[in-house]
Amino acid sequence: MRKIFLSVVIPAYNEEYNLRTGVLDSVYDYLIKQKYTWEILFVDDGSTDNTAKLALDFAKSHKQSLAKSEYGKNFLVLSEPHRGKAGTVIAGVLAAKGEIVLFTDTDQATPIDQIAKVLPKFESGYDVVIGSRHGREGAPLIRKIMAWGFSFLRLLVLRLPYKDTQCGFKAFSKNAAKEIFKRLEIFDSKNKNVGASVTAGFDLEILYVARKLGYKIAEVSVDWHHKEGTKVDPIKDSIEGLRGLIMVRINALQGKYRRS
């Protein structure tokens, strides 16, 4: 059996609306045209609506066409207990079999076709490639202000030199993914949350650990469009992001992220 080249991890919590608008069709229709092997891991974060059922129905309805595909290898629906985005992404990444592992938001604010901008970076020797949303078209002013303030703090406290650490479009080589995600201290597979949670500090810990381990990181500009119904709560997520930032710094000072 041919190795899987790309694993696409899609974390989801109460995404019934987006699923009914055809986001999975857009992901599937793009991938089915590509000349590399791929799999989709849709990871349900203990949703309380019909998210899991709709995803399973989609997988079943596309099973036959997937079986006939030379490149598409699987569409898996993983049902996880509710832990927030961090725990859900981790579960998907650790279950992925691809040589490249991408996680992307269900609403496809950054569309799947942006992977075409990401893959060449791996050919150039990078281990981690992150999307950067320049301009943030359509985003409310409060979100732009929040992003600017967070950018200043992460540079001051963690020395992360990236324009956008929070974009939900990040890819990793297989080896980097396994090494980074198993070393996360704050956001791990044991997280528990009530209600929607984007775990704002999660991306910071990923990137801090990646740099600490010496992985080569590239940042590429990607298309991004504000989506109605986003799970982002400007106040709550700003507080959570600040908390995560401080905790990452404390862990770093305690030497918890060093390569063993």
Protein backbone atom coordinates (compact mmCIF):
# COMPACT_ATOMS: atom_id res chain seq x y z
CA MET A 1 0.00 0.00 0.00
CA ARG A 2 1.33 3.43 -0.94
CA LYS A 3 2.25 5.74 1.90
CA ILE A 4 -0.11 8.57 2.69
CA PHE A 5 1.44 11.90 1.74
CA LEU A 6 -1.01 14.36 3.32
CA SER A 7 -3.21 14.01 6.41
CA VAL A 8 -5.84 16.72 6.87
CA VAL A 9 -7.04 17.03 10.47
CA ILE A 10 -10.32 18.93 10.94
CA PRO A 11 -11.32 19.62 14.57
CA ALA A 12 -15.01 20.35 15.11
CA TYR A 13 -17.34 21.36 17.91
CA ASN A 14 -21.02 22.01 17.14
CA GLU A 15 -20.34 22.70 13.47
CA GLU A 16 -23.71 21.55 12.12
CA TYR A 17 -24.30 24.87 10.33
CA ASN A 18 -20.97 24.78 8.51
CA LEU A 19 -21.38 21.14 7.55
CA ARG A 20 -24.80 21.85 6.07
CA THR A 21 -23.30 24.66 3.96
CA GLY A 22 -20.94 22.19 2.28
CA VAL A 23 -17.53 22.73 3.85
CA LEU A 24 -16.67 19.03 3.68
CA ASP A 25 -17.61 18.98 0.00
CA SER A 26 -15.14 21.80 -0.66
CA VAL A 27 -12.33 19.94 1.12
CA TYR A 28 -13.12 16.61 -0.51
CA ASP A 29 -13.60 18.06 -4.01
CA TYR A 30 -10.21 19.76 -3.84
CA LEU A 31 -8.30 16.76 -2.54
CA ILE A 32 -9.85 14.26 -4.95
CA LYS A 33 -8.22 16.19 -7.82
CA GLN A 34 -4.70 16.11 -6.35
CA LYS A 35 -1.95 13.78 -7.54
CA TYR A 36 -0.77 12.72 -4.10
CA THR A 37 -2.15 10.30 -1.54
CA TRP A 38 -4.24 11.81 1.26
CA GLU A 39 -6.58 11.13 4.16
CA ILE A 40 -9.08 13.25 6.10
CA LEU A 41 -9.44 12.91 9.87
CA PHE A 42 -12.57 14.71 11.04
CA VAL A 43 -12.31 14.93 14.83
CA ASP A 44 -15.54 15.64 16.69
CA ASP A 45 -14.98 17.37 20.03
CA GLY A 46 -17.97 15.86 21.85
CA SER A 47 -20.45 18.03 19.94
CA THR A 48 -23.96 18.38 21.35
CA ASP A 49 -25.60 18.92 17.94
CA ASN A 50 -25.62 16.74 14.79
CA THR A 51 -22.00 17.40 13.84
CA ALA A 52 -20.81 13.81 14.31
CA LYS A 53 -23.82 12.32 12.51
CA LEU A 54 -23.46 14.64 9.52
CA ALA A 55 -19.75 13.86 9.26
CA LEU A 56 -20.42 10.12 9.42
CA ASP A 57 -23.15 10.43 6.79
CA PHE A 58 -20.73 12.32 4.56
CA ALA A 59 -18.06 9.64 5.00
CA LYS A 60 -20.54 6.87 4.15
CA SER A 61 -21.90 8.65 1.08
CA HIS A 62 -18.38 9.14 -0.29
CA LYS A 63 -17.04 5.70 0.60
CA GLN A 64 -17.57 4.25 -2.87
CA SER A 65 -15.98 7.12 -4.78
CA LEU A 66 -13.08 7.15 -2.31
CA ALA A 67 -12.52 3.43 -2.88
CA LYS A 68 -12.24 4.05 -6.61
CA SER A 69 -9.77 6.89 -6.13
CA GLU A 70 -6.11 6.22 -6.82
CA TYR A 71 -5.00 8.81 -4.29
CA GLY A 72 -7.70 9.23 -1.64
CA LYS A 73 -7.04 6.71 1.11
CA ASN A 74 -9.51 7.39 3.91
CA PHE A 75 -12.10 9.65 5.49
CA LEU A 76 -12.16 8.96 9.20
CA VAL A 77 -14.52 10.42 11.80
CA LEU A 78 -13.00 10.33 15.29
CA SER A 79 -15.41 10.85 18.18
CA GLU A 80 -13.57 12.42 21.11
CA PRO A 81 -14.71 13.61 24.57
CA HIS A 82 -15.10 17.38 24.78
CA ARG A 83 -11.70 18.94 25.52
CA GLY A 84 -11.64 22.07 23.37
CA LYS A 85 -9.76 22.59 20.13
CA ALA A 86 -6.34 21.73 21.56
CA GLY A 87 -7.19 18.23 22.73
CA THR A 88 -9.12 17.55 19.53
CA VAL A 89 -6.28 18.64 17.25
CA ILE A 90 -3.78 16.61 19.25
CA ALA A 91 -5.94 13.48 18.94
CA GLY A 92 -6.14 13.94 15.19
CA VAL A 93 -2.47 14.72 14.67
CA LEU A 94 -1.29 11.73 16.70
CA ALA A 95 -3.64 9.45 14.73
CA ALA A 96 -2.51 10.83 11.35
CA LYS A 97 -0.43 8.64 9.03
CA GLY A 98 0.64 11.21 6.45
CA GLU A 99 4.17 12.39 5.75
CA ILE A 100 2.73 15.92 6.04
CA VAL A 101 0.05 16.67 8.66
CA LEU A 102 -2.18 19.74 8.30
CA PHE A 103 -4.81 20.97 10.72
CA THR A 104 -7.44 23.34 9.38
CA ASP A 105 -10.64 24.86 10.75
CA THR A 106 -14.00 23.35 9.87
CA ASP A 107 -15.41 26.63 8.57
CA GLN A 108 -12.62 26.81 5.98
CA ALA A 109 -11.96 30.48 6.69
CA THR A 110 -8.61 29.57 5.16
CA PRO A 111 -9.66 27.32 2.28
CA ILE A 112 -8.03 23.95 1.74
CA ASP A 113 -6.58 25.02 -1.62
CA GLN A 114 -4.07 27.16 0.31
CA ILE A 115 -2.16 23.93 0.96
CA ALA A 116 -0.65 24.51 -2.49
CA LYS A 117 1.28 27.45 -0.99
CA VAL A 118 2.43 25.35 1.95
CA LEU A 119 3.75 22.13 0.41
CA PRO A 120 6.68 23.69 -1.51
CA LYS A 121 8.15 24.85 1.80
CA PHE A 122 8.57 21.24 2.91
CA GLU A 123 10.42 20.52 -0.33
CA SER A 124 12.74 23.39 0.63
CA GLY A 125 13.62 21.74 3.93
CA TYR A 126 11.16 23.28 6.39
CA ASP A 127 9.64 21.14 9.15
CA VAL A 128 6.69 23.37 10.12
CA VAL A 129 4.72 25.75 7.89
CA ILE A 130 2.14 28.15 9.31
CA GLY A 131 -0.47 30.24 7.53
CA SER A 132 -0.47 34.00 8.01
CA ARG A 133 -3.66 36.05 7.55
CA HIS A 134 -2.44 39.42 6.33
CA GLY A 135 -5.15 42.06 6.57
CA ARG A 136 -7.82 39.72 7.99
CA GLU A 137 -10.46 40.67 5.45
CA GLY A 138 -13.91 41.09 6.97
CA ALA A 139 -12.80 40.65 10.57
CA PRO A 140 -14.48 42.93 13.16
CA LEU A 141 -12.33 45.79 14.47
CA ILE A 142 -12.21 44.26 17.97
CA ARG A 143 -10.58 41.12 16.56
CA LYS A 144 -7.96 43.18 14.70
CA ILE A 145 -7.14 45.11 17.88
CA MET A 146 -6.98 41.88 19.86
CA ALA A 147 -4.61 40.37 17.26
CA TRP A 148 -2.30 43.41 17.38
CA GLY A 149 -2.07 43.36 21.17
CA PHE A 150 -1.47 39.62 21.26
CA SER A 151 1.26 39.96 18.62
CA PHE A 152 3.10 42.49 20.77
CA LEU A 153 2.87 40.33 23.90
CA ARG A 154 4.01 37.09 22.29
CA LEU A 155 7.08 38.83 20.87
CA LEU A 156 7.85 40.46 24.22
CA VAL A 157 7.34 37.36 26.37
CA LEU A 158 8.13 34.39 24.11
CA ARG A 159 10.24 36.00 21.37
CA LEU A 160 8.07 34.40 18.68
CA PRO A 161 8.93 36.40 15.54
CA TYR A 162 5.85 35.52 13.48
CA LYS A 163 3.24 37.89 12.09
CA ASP A 164 0.34 35.52 12.83
CA THR A 165 0.58 32.65 15.29
CA GLN A 166 -3.18 32.10 15.61
CA CYS A 167 -4.21 31.16 12.09
CA GLY A 168 -5.91 27.76 12.14
CA PHE A 169 -3.92 26.48 9.17
CA LYS A 170 -0.68 24.79 10.21
CA ALA A 171 1.26 21.92 8.70
CA PHE A 172 4.05 19.72 10.01
CA SER A 173 6.34 17.01 8.75
CA LYS A 174 5.39 13.68 10.26
CA ASN A 175 8.42 13.54 12.55
CA ALA A 176 8.03 17.14 13.71
CA ALA A 177 4.33 16.62 14.44
CA LYS A 178 4.94 13.60 16.65
CA GLU A 179 7.82 15.21 18.54
CA ILE A 180 6.09 18.57 19.08
CA PHE A 181 2.64 17.37 20.06
CA LYS A 182 3.83 14.76 22.53
CA ARG A 183 5.82 17.44 24.39
CA LEU A 184 2.98 19.89 24.94
CA GLU A 185 2.57 20.58 28.64
CA ILE A 186 -0.34 23.03 28.94
CA PHE A 187 -2.53 21.86 26.12
CA ASP A 188 -2.59 18.10 25.99
CA SER A 189 -4.93 15.16 25.45
CA LYS A 190 -6.21 15.43 29.04
CA ASN A 191 -7.72 18.91 28.66
CA LYS A 192 -11.34 19.28 29.73
CA ASN A 193 -13.61 22.16 28.76
CA VAL A 194 -17.23 23.21 29.02
CA GLY A 195 -18.80 24.84 25.96
CA ALA A 196 -16.92 26.15 22.94
CA SER A 197 -13.20 26.76 23.42
CA VAL A 198 -10.57 27.71 20.86
CA THR A 199 -7.76 27.40 23.46
CA ALA A 200 -6.02 30.55 22.29
CA GLY A 201 -2.61 29.74 23.80
CA PHE A 202 -2.42 26.36 22.06
CA ASP A 203 -0.75 27.70 18.91
CA LEU A 204 1.79 29.57 21.01
CA GLU A 205 2.88 26.45 22.82
CA ILE A 206 3.14 24.53 19.53
CA LEU A 207 5.40 27.15 17.98
CA TYR A 208 7.48 27.69 21.10
CA VAL A 209 8.13 23.95 21.40
CA ALA A 210 8.91 23.70 17.68
CA ARG A 211 11.54 26.45 17.97
CA LYS A 212 12.93 24.97 21.16
CA LEU A 213 13.41 21.64 19.40
CA GLY A 214 15.23 23.35 16.56
CA TYR A 215 12.69 22.76 13.81
CA LYS A 216 12.80 25.02 10.76
CA ILE A 217 9.58 27.07 10.58
CA ALA A 218 8.19 28.96 7.57
CA GLU A 219 5.32 31.45 7.54
CA VAL A 220 3.33 31.85 4.32
CA SER A 221 0.59 34.30 3.42
CA VAL A 222 -2.78 32.56 2.98
CA ASP A 223 -6.25 33.66 1.97
CA TRP A 224 -8.60 34.13 4.89
CA HIS A 225 -12.18 35.32 5.15
CA HIS A 226 -14.12 36.10 8.29
CA LYS A 227 -16.92 33.59 8.88
CA GLU A 228 -20.11 34.32 10.75
CA GLY A 229 -20.71 32.12 13.77
CA THR A 230 -17.02 31.91 14.70
CA LYS A 231 -16.21 30.34 18.08
CA VAL A 232 -13.83 33.21 18.93
CA ASP A 233 -14.85 35.24 21.99
CA PRO A 234 -12.64 38.38 22.04
CA ILE A 235 -12.68 38.85 25.84
CA LYS A 236 -12.56 35.23 26.94
CA ASP A 237 -9.98 34.21 24.37
CA SER A 238 -7.76 37.23 25.08
CA ILE A 239 -7.67 36.26 28.76
CA GLU A 240 -7.08 32.61 27.91
CA GLY A 241 -4.37 33.51 25.41
CA LEU A 242 -2.58 35.67 27.98
CA ARG A 243 -2.81 32.88 30.53
CA GLY A 244 -1.40 30.39 28.03
CA LEU A 245 1.41 32.75 27.08
CA ILE A 246 2.47 33.16 30.72
CA MET A 247 2.26 29.42 31.38
CA VAL A 248 4.42 28.64 28.35
CA ARG A 249 7.02 31.09 29.63
CA ILE A 250 6.97 29.56 33.11
CA ASN A 251 7.37 26.07 31.69
CA ALA A 252 10.26 27.27 29.54
CA LEU A 253 12.03 28.74 32.56
CA GLN A 254 11.59 25.40 34.32
CA GLY A 255 13.21 23.59 31.39
CA LYS A 256 10.15 21.50 30.52
CA TYR A 257 10.49 21.89 26.75
CA ARG A 258 14.08 20.75 26.37
CA ARG A 259 14.77 17.85 24.03
CA SER A 260 15.41 14.77 26.17
